Amino acid sequence: MEPTLSMQTAAVLFGVSALGGLVMAGLRFSGRAYPPASLAMLHGLLSGGALTLLIYAWFTVGLPLYAAVATVLFVIAACGGVAMNLGYHWNHLPLPKWLVLTHAVVAVAAFVLLLAALWQHAPVAG
């Protein structure tokens, strides 16, 4: 397995998942208590798959430092996502706006670090 390919695949999955996250955050800040379950589940599935891929790559072939730090931050963001899902969404309670923002900030920081790791490991032409 190639670490760069794993990071690229994870970045694409996280990018698509981030679009869903933006939609869900927009819904929450427009007054809706929580997003549609299908959108939340798709967001979690895509992010979970990407995170699993990064963790697997880290333990099998290793990851560059930025990607490893990004993986840890994605785990923290995932904990926030699970807390929102099980503690609030599942119980039909409004998602705390501070938790939505914290989850988003940590995930965006992780995504930027993952992209930086990819930028460092981009193949040089010629």
Protein backbone atom coordinates (compact mmCIF):
# COMPACT_ATOMS: atom_id res chain seq x y z
CA MET A 1 0.00 0.00 0.00
CA GLU A 2 1.17 3.47 -0.88
CA PRO A 3 0.69 6.11 1.85
CA THR A 4 0.15 8.87 -0.72
CA LEU A 5 -2.70 6.98 -2.38
CA SER A 6 -4.32 6.37 1.00
CA MET A 7 -4.03 10.05 1.89
CA GLN A 8 -5.45 11.10 -1.50
CA THR A 9 -8.40 8.76 -1.18
CA ALA A 10 -9.06 9.91 2.39
CA ALA A 11 -8.84 13.55 1.30
CA VAL A 12 -11.47 13.00 -1.42
CA LEU A 13 -13.78 11.21 1.02
CA PHE A 14 -13.32 13.92 3.65
CA GLY A 15 -13.89 16.61 1.02
CA VAL A 16 -17.23 15.12 -0.03
CA SER A 17 -18.13 14.59 3.62
CA ALA A 18 -17.28 18.23 4.37
CA LEU A 19 -19.85 19.37 1.82
CA GLY A 20 -22.49 17.46 3.74
CA GLY A 21 -21.16 18.92 6.97
CA LEU A 22 -21.54 22.44 5.59
CA VAL A 23 -25.13 21.70 4.62
CA MET A 24 -25.87 20.31 8.08
CA ALA A 25 -24.24 23.28 9.83
CA GLY A 26 -26.22 25.63 7.61
CA LEU A 27 -29.42 23.85 8.58
CA ARG A 28 -28.55 24.09 12.28
CA PHE A 29 -27.68 27.79 12.16
CA SER A 30 -30.79 28.56 10.13
CA GLY A 31 -32.91 27.34 13.03
CA ARG A 32 -33.40 23.63 12.44
CA ALA A 33 -32.72 21.58 15.59
CA TYR A 34 -30.86 18.80 13.80
CA PRO A 35 -30.19 17.62 10.25
CA PRO A 36 -31.97 14.83 8.36
CA ALA A 37 -30.82 11.45 9.62
CA SER A 38 -29.84 10.30 6.13
CA LEU A 39 -27.48 13.23 5.64
CA ALA A 40 -25.93 12.77 9.08
CA MET A 41 -25.46 9.05 8.44
CA LEU A 42 -23.86 9.64 5.03
CA HIS A 43 -21.53 12.25 6.54
CA GLY A 44 -20.51 9.86 9.30
CA LEU A 45 -20.08 6.93 6.91
CA LEU A 46 -17.83 8.85 4.52
CA SER A 47 -15.79 10.37 7.33
CA GLY A 48 -15.53 7.06 9.16
CA GLY A 49 -14.33 5.32 6.01
CA ALA A 50 -11.71 7.99 5.37
CA LEU A 51 -10.54 7.91 8.99
CA THR A 52 -10.32 4.12 8.95
CA LEU A 53 -8.19 4.31 5.81
CA LEU A 54 -5.81 6.80 7.44
CA ILE A 55 -5.50 4.74 10.62
CA TYR A 56 -4.86 1.58 8.62
CA ALA A 57 -2.20 3.32 6.54
CA TRP A 58 -0.58 4.76 9.66
CA PHE A 59 -0.23 1.34 11.27
CA THR A 60 0.82 -0.55 8.14
CA VAL A 61 3.00 1.71 5.99
CA GLY A 62 3.28 4.82 8.12
CA LEU A 63 2.15 8.37 7.50
CA PRO A 64 4.04 11.65 7.27
CA LEU A 65 3.94 13.80 10.41
CA TYR A 66 1.25 16.20 9.15
CA ALA A 67 -0.97 13.31 8.11
CA ALA A 68 -0.48 11.60 11.48
CA VAL A 69 -1.43 14.79 13.33
CA ALA A 70 -4.41 15.18 10.98
CA THR A 71 -5.49 11.63 11.83
CA VAL A 72 -5.42 12.40 15.56
CA LEU A 73 -7.45 15.57 14.96
CA PHE A 74 -9.93 13.64 12.82
CA VAL A 75 -10.36 11.17 15.71
CA ILE A 76 -11.13 14.11 18.02
CA ALA A 77 -13.60 15.52 15.47
CA ALA A 78 -15.17 12.06 15.18
CA CYS A 79 -15.70 11.98 18.94
CA GLY A 80 -17.59 15.28 18.64
CA GLY A 81 -19.64 13.85 15.79
CA VAL A 82 -20.52 10.76 17.77
CA ALA A 83 -21.47 12.92 20.76
CA MET A 84 -23.77 15.01 18.57
CA ASN A 85 -25.32 11.93 17.00
CA LEU A 86 -25.86 9.80 20.08
CA GLY A 87 -26.34 12.52 22.69
CA TYR A 88 -28.54 14.91 20.76
CA HIS A 89 -29.69 13.80 17.31
CA TRP A 90 -30.70 10.32 18.46
CA ASN A 91 -32.70 11.86 21.31
CA HIS A 92 -34.29 14.52 19.06
CA LEU A 93 -32.58 17.35 20.93
CA PRO A 94 -31.19 20.48 19.28
CA LEU A 95 -27.50 20.17 18.47
CA PRO A 96 -25.46 22.61 20.59
CA LYS A 97 -24.12 25.28 18.26
CA TRP A 98 -20.82 25.41 20.14
CA LEU A 99 -20.34 21.68 19.55
CA VAL A 100 -21.18 22.01 15.86
CA LEU A 101 -18.59 24.80 15.53
CA THR A 102 -15.93 22.96 17.54
CA HIS A 103 -16.45 19.82 15.47
CA ALA A 104 -16.14 21.84 12.27
CA VAL A 105 -13.03 23.77 13.35
CA VAL A 106 -11.18 20.62 14.41
CA ALA A 107 -12.19 18.79 11.22
CA VAL A 108 -11.14 21.70 8.99
CA ALA A 109 -7.78 21.96 10.76
CA ALA A 110 -7.26 18.24 10.24
CA PHE A 111 -8.25 18.51 6.58
CA VAL A 112 -5.80 21.36 6.00
CA LEU A 113 -3.02 19.31 7.61
CA LEU A 114 -3.90 16.31 5.45
CA LEU A 115 -3.72 18.50 2.34
CA ALA A 116 -0.38 19.89 3.52
CA ALA A 117 0.93 16.35 3.92
CA LEU A 118 -0.23 15.56 0.40
CA TRP A 119 1.38 18.73 -0.91
CA GLN A 120 4.71 17.70 0.65
CA HIS A 121 4.51 14.22 -0.88
CA ALA A 122 3.30 15.26 -4.31
CA PRO A 123 5.34 13.57 -7.02
CA VAL A 124 7.71 15.87 -8.86
CA ALA A 125 7.40 15.83 -12.63
CA GLY A 126 10.49 15.32 -14.75
